Amino acid sequence: MRLKQFTKKQLRWDLYSRFLKLIDKGFETEAMLLMLSTWNFARFRYAIRSFNVDQFEKTLDNLKPLFRKIQKENFKTINFDSYSKDIKRIFNALAKIKGIEKTGAPKLMHLKAPKVFVMWDTKIRKYYGFNTGDAEEYIEFLKLMQKKFRSQKSLPDRSLAKLIDENNYNRITLPALEKSRPPKI
């Protein structure tokens, strides 16, 4: 399977480059909040009134050393077992924040290390047989994606981890969303 065939442009993907540009300009918190409010809207909308930005930034600061170790890695070659403890700590610290949780955590992890972390949503997670969505399953998901797509190439503007996300979104999430929409009258 070639990932290039799954890169049909979605309007929401225009936001992705904006997330990364904001981070490059030093607006990491803003990029992450924008991602949560657009790509994790189903959960984040219920937490927005009580979301503590200062506590969120403190959590990110505490995770910096773990992210620093992982950021130098690449999705094709990283040994996820070697980083299992660190990935679980990152995932759990983010997932326990209301509005981020188990779908938002990998999205934010991806922004911090776009060459390593693949995003997921509930439909993708369940399609691959991961029902609890906990840190242990996320690591197993990463290993499965690595095994399945290791021979694929990244593109100049998107990492392999991002291309896998786009593939999964196009093949799994979009068709499920289309099915669940009420018929047009």
Foldseek 3Di string as FASTA:
>chain_A
DALVVLPPDDPVCVLVVVLLVCVVVPNNLVSLVVCLCPVVVVFQVVCVVPQDSVVVVVLVVVLVVLLVVVQVDALLDDDLVVSLVSQQVQQVSQQVGGSCHLQNSLVSSCSSRVRHGAGDDCQLCVVVPNHPSHSVSRSVVSVVLNVVCSVYAADPVHHPSDSSNSNSCRVTVVVVVVVPDDDDD
